[in-house]
Amino acid sequence: MKTVNKFLLLGVVGFVMSPLYAFAQNVWPNGQTIRIIVPFTAGSGTDIIARAVADKLAPSLGNGVSVVIENKPGAGGTIGALQVAKSEPDGFTLLVHSSGHVVNPALYKNLPYDTLNDFAGVIPLAQLPNVMVTSPANGYKNLDELIKKYSAHPGDANYASAGNGSATHMNAEKFRVAAKLTANHIPYRGTPEAITDVIAGRTDWFFAPIVSAYPLIKDGKLQALAVGTKTRSPLLPNVPTTIELGIPNSDYTFWVGVLAPSKTPKAIIDRLNTEITKLMKDPEVMERYEKLGAEPMVMKPAQFDQFIRQETEAAAALVRAANITIN
């Protein structure tokens, strides 16, 4: 009797699960398009990581599905995020955002969506270093010279970011607070625009995503002073971290991840998580990540949701410590 009940139970479970499995497999009908909204400009660190995975996602899902990236920059990533928050939770509209996503609740009093409740975490994609860059024309031999100059002239320094609340902004603020510097924040529409003005000398420094800055550092158009993470980047092994240079608590983790509207069925989110996890082991994706200096991050959806909650609390603490306000 026990054996019969056992097989009966397995049959019931199979009956219940098979429609869910079929739903997850066929949620994207033949020829349909998945839109991935990136709330920053093309060429930004978040955009480059999104494209590294998106290029492989369509073949992985099969069924003739296509995947397109749409850049919706502005307002610290909130414009693109709002579009996804208000989208149908059907698996056809996704968000690839950065760690700046968890900063916005502390920056915007009237944020038009709920960061924790209007999104479901799918999977983090990568963590990657920011590198503090300046124009070679400034003539700094090292980071210590920059700090000494602006410590002697408080408020004279201007630093760039890819927008209010972006990972590049938060990295710079964490450094600025730890180094006890006074400096003026100049937010740009995105990373490419910020880099352009740093090269031209219109802003003094920028904690740029290494994926965007590396080619310009190699060409001598930018000077790398320090890396913003705990450890050095394999792409710039001779560039020390801000911690190595004697500025404790100055490191910042720049992560990029995939989110969906909060009511997206679990079967869809789990399927996306499974397929993207596989892509992290794809040789071509691994090679692209290596060239970008990016380190894969893999979590289950529930783990990613918890990570986002913790990161939101940490970001709020940094905003308070740095006394960051926006107009």
Protein backbone atom coordinates (compact mmCIF):
# COMPACT_ATOMS: atom_id res chain seq x y z
CA MET A 1 0.00 0.00 0.00
CA LYS A 2 2.84 2.33 0.88
CA THR A 3 4.48 1.62 -2.48
CA VAL A 4 1.22 2.32 -4.29
CA ASN A 5 0.78 5.58 -2.37
CA LYS A 6 4.34 6.52 -3.17
CA PHE A 7 3.84 6.09 -6.88
CA LEU A 8 0.45 7.78 -6.67
CA LEU A 9 2.09 10.80 -5.01
CA LEU A 10 4.81 10.93 -7.64
CA GLY A 11 2.16 10.80 -10.32
CA VAL A 12 0.23 13.67 -8.77
CA VAL A 13 3.41 15.75 -8.44
CA GLY A 14 4.30 15.00 -12.04
CA PHE A 15 0.81 15.96 -13.18
CA VAL A 16 1.02 19.27 -11.31
CA MET A 17 4.57 20.09 -12.36
CA SER A 18 4.36 19.13 -16.03
CA PRO A 19 2.10 22.05 -16.98
CA LEU A 20 4.44 24.41 -15.13
CA TYR A 21 7.42 22.94 -16.96
CA ALA A 22 5.63 23.20 -20.29
CA PHE A 23 4.64 26.79 -19.46
CA ALA A 24 8.25 27.70 -18.70
CA GLN A 25 9.44 26.03 -21.89
CA ASN A 26 6.88 27.65 -24.19
CA VAL A 27 6.30 31.04 -22.55
CA TRP A 28 8.00 32.79 -25.47
CA PRO A 29 6.13 31.72 -28.62
CA ASN A 30 7.97 31.29 -31.88
CA GLY A 31 9.35 34.52 -33.28
CA GLN A 32 8.55 36.70 -30.27
CA THR A 33 10.95 39.37 -28.97
CA ILE A 34 12.20 39.88 -25.43
CA ARG A 35 13.11 43.50 -24.68
CA ILE A 36 15.89 44.16 -22.20
CA ILE A 37 15.76 47.72 -20.91
CA VAL A 38 19.13 49.16 -19.91
CA PRO A 39 18.58 52.48 -18.09
CA PHE A 40 21.97 53.87 -19.12
CA THR A 41 23.56 54.91 -22.40
CA ALA A 42 25.04 52.51 -24.92
CA GLY A 43 28.69 51.93 -24.09
CA SER A 44 28.19 52.18 -20.33
CA GLY A 45 29.46 49.33 -18.14
CA THR A 46 25.92 48.08 -17.51
CA ASP A 47 25.13 48.15 -21.23
CA ILE A 48 28.27 46.24 -22.20
CA ILE A 49 27.61 43.48 -19.68
CA ALA A 50 23.95 43.27 -20.75
CA ARG A 51 24.94 42.80 -24.38
CA ALA A 52 27.53 40.14 -23.54
CA VAL A 53 24.72 37.95 -22.19
CA ALA A 54 21.85 39.08 -24.44
CA ASP A 55 23.73 38.03 -27.56
CA LYS A 56 23.61 34.43 -26.33
CA LEU A 57 20.25 34.38 -24.58
CA ALA A 58 18.04 34.08 -27.66
CA PRO A 59 19.69 30.90 -28.99
CA SER A 60 19.63 29.47 -25.47
CA LEU A 61 15.86 29.98 -25.18
CA GLY A 62 15.21 28.62 -28.67
CA ASN A 63 11.81 28.77 -30.40
CA GLY A 64 13.07 31.52 -32.71
CA VAL A 65 12.98 34.02 -29.85
CA SER A 66 14.91 37.26 -30.37
CA VAL A 67 16.39 39.51 -27.68
CA VAL A 68 16.91 43.24 -28.15
CA ILE A 69 18.55 45.84 -25.93
CA GLU A 70 16.81 49.19 -25.51
CA ASN A 71 18.74 51.99 -23.81
CA LYS A 72 16.51 54.29 -21.73
CA PRO A 73 18.96 56.57 -19.86
CA GLY A 74 18.13 59.40 -17.50
CA ALA A 75 17.41 60.31 -13.89
CA GLY A 76 19.89 57.86 -12.40
CA GLY A 77 18.33 54.90 -14.16
CA THR A 78 14.83 55.59 -12.85
CA ILE A 79 13.28 56.25 -16.28
CA GLY A 80 14.12 52.82 -17.62
CA ALA A 81 13.34 51.13 -14.32
CA LEU A 82 9.88 52.72 -14.23
CA GLN A 83 9.14 51.44 -17.71
CA VAL A 84 9.87 47.88 -16.61
CA ALA A 85 8.01 48.24 -13.30
CA LYS A 86 4.86 49.21 -15.21
CA SER A 87 5.27 46.56 -17.94
CA GLU A 88 3.20 43.41 -18.23
CA PRO A 89 4.78 40.65 -16.11
CA ASP A 90 4.86 38.24 -19.02
CA GLY A 91 8.57 37.62 -19.54
CA PHE A 92 8.83 39.92 -22.56
CA THR A 93 10.23 42.98 -20.75
CA LEU A 94 13.27 42.73 -18.48
CA LEU A 95 15.56 45.21 -16.77
CA VAL A 96 19.34 45.05 -16.61
CA HIS A 97 20.37 47.53 -13.95
CA SER A 98 23.45 48.18 -11.86
CA SER A 99 24.07 48.61 -8.16
CA GLY A 100 22.77 52.15 -8.70
CA HIS A 101 19.29 50.58 -8.61
CA VAL A 102 19.48 50.13 -4.84
CA VAL A 103 20.65 53.70 -4.25
CA ASN A 104 17.66 55.46 -5.76
CA PRO A 105 15.23 54.85 -2.84
CA ALA A 106 17.55 56.91 -0.64
CA LEU A 107 18.00 59.65 -3.24
CA TYR A 108 14.53 60.22 -4.63
CA LYS A 109 11.80 61.07 -2.14
CA ASN A 110 9.03 60.56 -4.70
CA LEU A 111 10.39 57.58 -6.59
CA PRO A 112 7.59 56.49 -8.96
CA TYR A 113 8.06 52.80 -8.16
CA ASP A 114 8.99 50.60 -5.21
CA THR A 115 12.51 49.23 -5.61
CA LEU A 116 11.90 46.20 -3.40
CA ASN A 117 8.28 45.40 -4.22
CA ASP A 118 7.89 46.26 -7.90
CA PHE A 119 10.72 44.05 -9.14
CA ALA A 120 11.69 40.40 -8.89
CA GLY A 121 15.34 39.47 -8.99
CA VAL A 122 16.22 37.09 -11.82
CA ILE A 123 19.99 36.78 -11.54
CA PRO A 124 23.07 38.97 -11.04
CA LEU A 125 25.31 38.98 -14.10
CA ALA A 126 28.66 40.30 -12.97
CA GLN A 127 30.64 42.41 -10.62
CA LEU A 128 33.31 44.59 -12.12
CA PRO A 129 35.78 47.17 -10.94
CA ASN A 130 35.62 50.88 -11.42
CA VAL A 131 38.92 52.60 -12.06
CA MET A 132 39.65 56.17 -11.03
CA VAL A 133 40.79 57.98 -14.15
CA THR A 134 41.96 61.49 -14.92
CA SER A 135 43.39 63.31 -17.91
CA PRO A 136 47.13 62.72 -18.41
CA ALA A 137 47.36 66.48 -18.97
CA ASN A 138 46.76 67.00 -15.24
CA GLY A 139 50.21 65.59 -14.61
CA TYR A 140 49.47 63.52 -11.50
CA LYS A 141 52.13 60.94 -10.80
CA ASN A 142 49.85 59.06 -8.43
CA LEU A 143 46.66 59.30 -6.38
CA ASP A 144 48.47 60.84 -3.42
CA GLU A 145 49.32 63.93 -5.50
CA LEU A 146 45.66 64.41 -6.42
CA ILE A 147 44.56 64.06 -2.79
CA LYS A 148 47.19 66.53 -1.56
CA LYS A 149 46.22 69.09 -4.20
CA TYR A 150 42.53 69.06 -3.40
CA SER A 151 43.03 68.76 0.36
CA ALA A 152 44.89 72.06 0.14
CA HIS A 153 42.15 73.57 -2.05
CA PRO A 154 38.82 72.25 -0.70
CA GLY A 155 35.94 72.45 -3.12
CA ASP A 156 38.06 73.12 -6.21
CA ALA A 157 37.75 69.57 -7.53
CA ASN A 158 34.99 68.43 -9.89
CA TYR A 159 34.35 64.74 -10.34
CA ALA A 160 32.20 63.07 -12.97
CA SER A 161 29.64 60.32 -12.72
CA ALA A 162 27.33 58.48 -15.11
CA GLY A 163 24.36 59.99 -13.27
CA ASN A 164 22.98 60.58 -9.81
CA GLY A 165 22.95 57.37 -7.82
CA SER A 166 24.90 55.40 -10.42
CA ALA A 167 27.61 52.98 -9.34
CA THR A 168 30.20 55.47 -10.62
CA HIS A 169 28.68 58.15 -8.38
CA MET A 170 28.58 55.93 -5.30
CA ASN A 171 32.13 54.70 -5.81
CA ALA A 172 33.34 58.29 -6.01
CA GLU A 173 31.38 59.28 -2.90
CA LYS A 174 32.70 56.37 -0.89
CA PHE A 175 36.23 57.34 -1.90
CA ARG A 176 35.61 61.03 -1.22
CA VAL A 177 34.24 60.38 2.28
CA ALA A 178 37.05 57.96 3.14
CA ALA A 179 39.71 60.36 1.82
CA LYS A 180 38.06 63.34 3.59
CA LEU A 181 37.90 65.36 0.37
CA THR A 182 35.50 68.11 -0.59
CA ALA A 183 34.55 67.96 -4.26
CA ASN A 184 31.75 68.94 -6.62
CA HIS A 185 29.72 66.20 -8.26
CA ILE A 186 29.04 66.61 -12.00
CA PRO A 187 26.47 64.02 -13.15
CA TYR A 188 26.44 63.13 -16.84
CA ARG A 189 23.91 61.34 -19.02
CA GLY A 190 26.14 58.27 -19.10
CA THR A 191 29.67 56.89 -18.96
CA PRO A 192 30.76 57.89 -22.50
CA GLU A 193 29.81 61.50 -21.89
CA ALA A 194 31.63 61.57 -18.55
CA ILE A 195 34.77 60.08 -20.04
CA THR A 196 34.75 62.64 -22.86
CA ASP A 197 34.82 65.52 -20.39
CA VAL A 198 37.51 63.93 -18.22
CA ILE A 199 39.74 63.52 -21.27
CA ALA A 200 39.09 67.16 -22.17
CA GLY A 201 39.97 68.26 -18.63
CA ARG A 202 36.54 69.69 -17.86
CA THR A 203 36.20 67.37 -14.86
CA ASP A 204 39.06 66.21 -12.67
CA TRP A 205 38.37 62.52 -12.15
CA PHE A 206 35.88 59.76 -12.76
CA PHE A 207 35.45 56.29 -11.27
CA ALA A 208 34.78 54.75 -14.66
CA PRO A 209 33.71 51.15 -15.30
CA ILE A 210 36.88 49.42 -16.32
CA VAL A 211 35.07 47.90 -19.30
CA SER A 212 34.65 51.40 -20.73
CA ALA A 213 37.93 52.98 -19.64
CA TYR A 214 40.42 50.21 -20.38
CA PRO A 215 40.88 50.86 -24.14
CA LEU A 216 41.43 54.58 -23.49
CA ILE A 217 43.92 53.83 -20.70
CA LYS A 218 45.85 51.58 -23.09
CA ASP A 219 45.85 54.32 -25.73
CA GLY A 220 47.16 56.88 -23.23
CA LYS A 221 44.05 59.06 -23.40
CA LEU A 222 43.23 58.41 -19.74
CA GLN A 223 45.48 57.95 -16.73
CA ALA A 224 44.49 55.28 -14.20
CA LEU A 225 45.20 56.32 -10.61
CA ALA A 226 43.51 53.58 -8.58
CA VAL A 227 41.01 50.74 -8.72
CA GLY A 228 37.91 51.07 -6.57
CA THR A 229 37.50 47.42 -5.55
CA LYS A 230 39.10 45.42 -2.73
CA THR A 231 41.52 43.69 -5.09
CA ARG A 232 43.38 44.72 -8.22
CA SER A 233 41.96 44.07 -11.65
CA PRO A 234 43.66 41.48 -13.88
CA LEU A 235 43.31 44.00 -16.72
CA LEU A 236 45.33 46.60 -14.80
CA PRO A 237 47.62 44.55 -12.57
CA ASN A 238 49.98 47.49 -11.96
CA VAL A 239 47.25 49.84 -10.77
CA PRO A 240 46.80 49.65 -6.97
CA THR A 241 43.47 49.78 -5.17
CA THR A 242 42.42 52.80 -3.13
CA ILE A 243 42.74 50.61 -0.03
CA GLU A 244 46.33 49.70 -0.91
CA LEU A 245 47.01 53.41 -1.22
CA GLY A 246 46.06 53.96 2.40
CA ILE A 247 42.37 54.87 2.19
CA PRO A 248 40.46 52.30 4.25
CA ASN A 249 36.74 51.66 3.66
CA SER A 250 36.96 53.21 0.20
CA ASP A 251 36.14 50.10 -1.85
CA TYR A 252 32.86 49.74 -3.72
CA THR A 253 31.24 46.79 -5.50
CA PHE A 254 29.75 47.61 -8.89
CA TRP A 255 27.34 44.82 -9.83
CA VAL A 256 24.98 44.34 -12.75
CA GLY A 257 21.88 42.14 -12.69
CA VAL A 258 18.63 41.14 -14.38
CA LEU A 259 15.24 42.01 -12.89
CA ALA A 260 11.64 41.51 -13.99
CA PRO A 261 8.30 43.05 -13.02
CA SER A 262 7.37 41.70 -9.59
CA LYS A 263 4.35 39.64 -10.67
CA THR A 264 6.23 37.74 -13.35
CA PRO A 265 5.42 34.02 -12.88
CA LYS A 266 8.04 32.07 -10.97
CA ALA A 267 8.33 29.56 -13.83
CA ILE A 268 9.50 32.33 -16.17
CA ILE A 269 12.00 33.72 -13.69
CA ASP A 270 13.37 30.25 -12.93
CA ARG A 271 13.76 29.47 -16.64
CA LEU A 272 15.65 32.70 -17.23
CA ASN A 273 17.83 32.03 -14.20
CA THR A 274 18.63 28.53 -15.45
CA GLU A 275 19.50 29.62 -18.97
CA ILE A 276 21.61 32.60 -17.91
CA THR A 277 23.45 30.45 -15.35
CA LYS A 278 24.40 28.12 -18.21
CA LEU A 279 25.61 31.08 -20.25
CA MET A 280 28.02 32.03 -17.47
CA LYS A 281 29.93 28.84 -18.39
CA ASP A 282 29.77 29.42 -22.13
CA PRO A 283 33.37 29.78 -23.42
CA GLU A 284 32.54 32.85 -25.52
CA VAL A 285 30.78 34.61 -22.64
CA MET A 286 33.62 33.69 -20.28
CA GLU A 287 36.13 35.11 -22.76
CA ARG A 288 34.15 38.34 -23.12
CA TYR A 289 33.91 38.69 -19.35
CA GLU A 290 37.65 38.14 -19.02
CA LYS A 291 38.38 40.83 -21.58
CA LEU A 292 36.03 43.17 -19.71
CA GLY A 293 37.62 42.49 -16.34
CA ALA A 294 34.24 41.26 -15.12
CA GLU A 295 33.66 38.49 -12.60
CA PRO A 296 30.49 36.38 -13.00
CA MET A 297 27.94 36.48 -10.19
CA VAL A 298 25.50 33.58 -9.96
CA MET A 299 22.59 33.40 -7.51
CA LYS A 300 19.17 31.85 -7.42
CA PRO A 301 16.30 34.38 -7.65
CA ALA A 302 15.51 34.26 -3.93
CA GLN A 303 19.18 34.83 -3.09
CA PHE A 304 19.33 37.77 -5.46
CA ASP A 305 16.22 39.31 -3.89
CA GLN A 306 17.84 39.03 -0.46
CA PHE A 307 21.09 40.50 -1.81
CA ILE A 308 19.16 43.47 -3.21
CA ARG A 309 17.49 44.09 0.16
CA GLN A 310 20.89 44.09 1.90
CA GLU A 311 22.43 46.33 -0.75
CA THR A 312 19.54 48.79 -0.43
CA GLU A 313 20.23 49.15 3.29
CA ALA A 314 23.98 49.61 2.70
CA ALA A 315 23.34 52.21 -0.01
CA ALA A 316 21.06 54.21 2.28
CA ALA A 317 23.80 54.26 4.90
CA LEU A 318 26.33 55.57 2.35
CA VAL A 319 23.93 58.28 1.16
CA ARG A 320 23.54 59.45 4.77
CA ALA A 321 27.29 59.33 5.48
CA ALA A 322 28.13 61.29 2.32
CA ASN A 323 25.20 63.66 2.83
CA ILE A 324 24.17 63.17 -0.79
CA THR A 325 21.23 65.17 -2.06
CA ILE A 326 19.93 65.78 -5.55
CA ASN A 327 17.90 68.62 -6.98
